[in-house]
């Protein structure tokens, strides 16, 4: 059977967590990028890495 193995799901989930951390360092939503990464995987990584960081938000 040539289905997706558990290693694939583990790797994809790990990548989503890493992307969430990267997104936070660029002042982007951790949760949104986690979800985007679950769907887009490595493409989301490229977007996060090459897009410029957002301006820092003022804390209240």
N, C-alpha and C. Protein backbone atom coordinates (compact mmCIF):
# COMPACT_ATOMS: atom_id res chain seq x y z
N UNK A 1 0.85 -1.19 0.00
CA UNK A 1 0.00 0.00 0.00
C UNK A 1 0.89 1.24 0.00
N UNK A 2 0.64 2.17 -0.89
CA UNK A 2 1.47 3.37 -1.04
C UNK A 2 0.80 4.62 -0.46
N UNK A 3 0.21 4.51 0.71
CA UNK A 3 -0.42 5.67 1.34
C UNK A 3 0.61 6.52 2.05
N UNK A 4 0.15 7.62 2.60
CA UNK A 4 1.03 8.49 3.37
C UNK A 4 1.29 7.84 4.72
N UNK A 5 2.56 7.75 5.10
CA UNK A 5 2.93 7.16 6.37
C UNK A 5 2.83 8.14 7.51
N UNK A 6 2.95 7.61 8.71
CA UNK A 6 2.86 8.47 9.89
C UNK A 6 4.03 9.47 9.92
N UNK A 7 5.15 9.10 9.29
CA UNK A 7 6.29 10.02 9.23
C UNK A 7 5.94 11.29 8.47
N UNK A 8 5.14 11.15 7.43
CA UNK A 8 4.73 12.30 6.62
C UNK A 8 3.90 13.26 7.47
N UNK A 9 2.95 12.72 8.21
CA UNK A 9 2.09 13.57 9.05
C UNK A 9 2.90 14.22 10.17
N UNK A 10 3.82 13.47 10.74
CA UNK A 10 4.67 14.02 11.80
C UNK A 10 5.54 15.15 11.27
N UNK A 11 6.13 14.95 10.11
CA UNK A 11 6.98 15.98 9.50
C UNK A 11 6.20 17.22 9.12
N UNK A 12 5.01 17.02 8.56
CA UNK A 12 4.17 18.15 8.14
C UNK A 12 3.73 18.96 9.37
N UNK A 13 3.37 18.28 10.44
CA UNK A 13 2.97 18.96 11.68
C UNK A 13 4.12 19.71 12.31
N UNK A 14 5.31 19.09 12.27
CA UNK A 14 6.50 19.75 12.81
C UNK A 14 6.82 21.01 12.00
N UNK A 15 6.71 20.91 10.69
CA UNK A 15 6.95 22.07 9.84
C UNK A 15 5.96 23.19 10.16
N UNK A 16 4.71 22.84 10.40
CA UNK A 16 3.70 23.85 10.74
C UNK A 16 4.06 24.56 12.05
N UNK A 17 4.56 23.81 13.03
CA UNK A 17 4.97 24.43 14.30
C UNK A 17 6.18 25.34 14.11
N UNK A 18 7.13 24.91 13.31
CA UNK A 18 8.31 25.74 13.03
C UNK A 18 7.89 27.02 12.30
N UNK A 19 7.01 26.89 11.33
CA UNK A 19 6.53 28.05 10.59
C UNK A 19 5.79 29.03 11.51
N UNK A 20 5.05 28.52 12.47
CA UNK A 20 4.35 29.39 13.42
C UNK A 20 5.36 30.22 14.21
N UNK A 21 6.45 29.58 14.63
CA UNK A 21 7.50 30.31 15.34
C UNK A 21 8.18 31.34 14.46
N UNK A 22 8.46 30.98 13.22
CA UNK A 22 9.06 31.93 12.27
C UNK A 22 8.14 33.13 12.05
N UNK A 23 6.86 32.84 11.89
CA UNK A 23 5.89 33.92 11.65
C UNK A 23 5.87 34.90 12.81
N UNK A 24 5.95 34.38 14.03
CA UNK A 24 5.93 35.26 15.19
C UNK A 24 7.16 36.18 15.22
N UNK A 25 8.31 35.69 14.76
CA UNK A 25 9.50 36.54 14.74
C UNK A 25 9.38 37.66 13.71
N UNK A 26 8.44 37.51 12.76
CA UNK A 26 8.23 38.54 11.75
C UNK A 26 6.94 39.33 12.02
N UNK A 27 6.51 39.31 13.28
CA UNK A 27 5.31 40.05 13.73
C UNK A 27 4.05 39.64 12.98
N UNK A 28 3.93 38.37 12.69
CA UNK A 28 2.74 37.84 12.03
C UNK A 28 2.03 36.88 12.98
N UNK A 29 0.79 36.58 12.68
CA UNK A 29 -0.03 35.75 13.56
C UNK A 29 0.47 34.31 13.57
N UNK A 30 0.85 33.85 14.76
CA UNK A 30 1.33 32.48 14.92
C UNK A 30 0.24 31.48 14.53
N UNK A 31 -0.97 31.69 15.01
CA UNK A 31 -2.06 30.76 14.77
C UNK A 31 -2.44 30.69 13.28
N UNK A 32 -2.55 31.85 12.63
CA UNK A 32 -2.90 31.87 11.21
C UNK A 32 -1.86 31.14 10.37
N UNK A 33 -0.58 31.38 10.65
CA UNK A 33 0.47 30.74 9.87
C UNK A 33 0.60 29.26 10.18
N UNK A 34 0.24 28.84 11.36
CA UNK A 34 0.19 27.42 11.66
C UNK A 34 -0.85 26.74 10.76
N UNK A 35 -2.03 27.34 10.68
CA UNK A 35 -3.09 26.77 9.84
C UNK A 35 -2.73 26.81 8.36
N UNK A 36 -2.15 27.91 7.91
CA UNK A 36 -1.72 28.01 6.51
C UNK A 36 -0.67 26.94 6.22
N UNK A 37 0.22 26.72 7.15
CA UNK A 37 1.29 25.74 6.96
C UNK A 37 0.76 24.32 6.90
N UNK A 38 -0.32 24.04 7.61
CA UNK A 38 -0.91 22.71 7.51
C UNK A 38 -1.42 22.43 6.09
N UNK A 39 -1.84 23.49 5.41
CA UNK A 39 -2.34 23.33 4.04
C UNK A 39 -1.25 23.47 2.99
N UNK A 40 -0.36 24.44 3.18
CA UNK A 40 0.61 24.78 2.14
C UNK A 40 2.02 24.25 2.39
N UNK A 41 2.32 23.85 3.63
CA UNK A 41 3.60 23.26 3.96
C UNK A 41 4.82 24.09 3.57
N UNK A 42 5.70 23.53 2.74
CA UNK A 42 6.95 24.20 2.38
C UNK A 42 6.74 25.53 1.64
N UNK A 43 5.64 25.68 0.95
CA UNK A 43 5.36 26.95 0.27
C UNK A 43 5.16 28.05 1.31
N UNK A 44 4.47 27.72 2.40
CA UNK A 44 4.27 28.69 3.47
C UNK A 44 5.61 29.08 4.09
N UNK A 45 6.52 28.11 4.20
CA UNK A 45 7.85 28.41 4.74
C UNK A 45 8.56 29.43 3.87
N UNK A 46 8.51 29.25 2.57
CA UNK A 46 9.16 30.19 1.66
C UNK A 46 8.55 31.58 1.79
N UNK A 47 7.24 31.66 1.90
CA UNK A 47 6.58 32.96 2.05
C UNK A 47 7.03 33.65 3.34
N UNK A 48 7.06 32.91 4.44
CA UNK A 48 7.46 33.51 5.71
C UNK A 48 8.90 34.00 5.66
N UNK A 49 9.76 33.20 5.08
CA UNK A 49 11.19 33.54 5.07
C UNK A 49 11.46 34.76 4.19
N UNK A 50 10.81 34.85 3.04
CA UNK A 50 11.15 35.92 2.09
C UNK A 50 10.34 37.19 2.24
N UNK A 51 9.17 37.14 2.90
CA UNK A 51 8.42 38.38 3.13
C UNK A 51 9.08 39.20 4.23
N UNK A 52 9.00 40.51 4.07
CA UNK A 52 9.56 41.41 5.08
C UNK A 52 8.69 41.36 6.34
N UNK A 53 9.31 41.57 7.50
CA UNK A 53 8.53 41.61 8.75
C UNK A 53 7.54 42.76 8.76
N UNK A 54 6.44 42.56 9.43
CA UNK A 54 5.47 43.63 9.63
C UNK A 54 6.01 44.58 10.70
N UNK A 55 5.58 45.84 10.67
CA UNK A 55 6.01 46.76 11.74
C UNK A 55 5.54 46.24 13.10
N UNK A 56 6.33 46.49 14.11
CA UNK A 56 5.97 46.04 15.46
C UNK A 56 4.72 46.75 15.95
N UNK A 57 3.88 46.01 16.64
CA UNK A 57 2.66 46.59 17.18
C UNK A 57 2.96 47.25 18.51
N UNK A 58 2.28 48.35 18.76
CA UNK A 58 2.44 49.04 20.04
C UNK A 58 1.70 48.24 21.11
N UNK A 59 2.38 47.95 22.21
CA UNK A 59 1.73 47.22 23.30
C UNK A 59 0.99 48.19 24.20
N UNK A 60 -0.21 47.76 24.64
CA UNK A 60 -1.00 48.66 25.49
C UNK A 60 -0.96 48.26 26.93
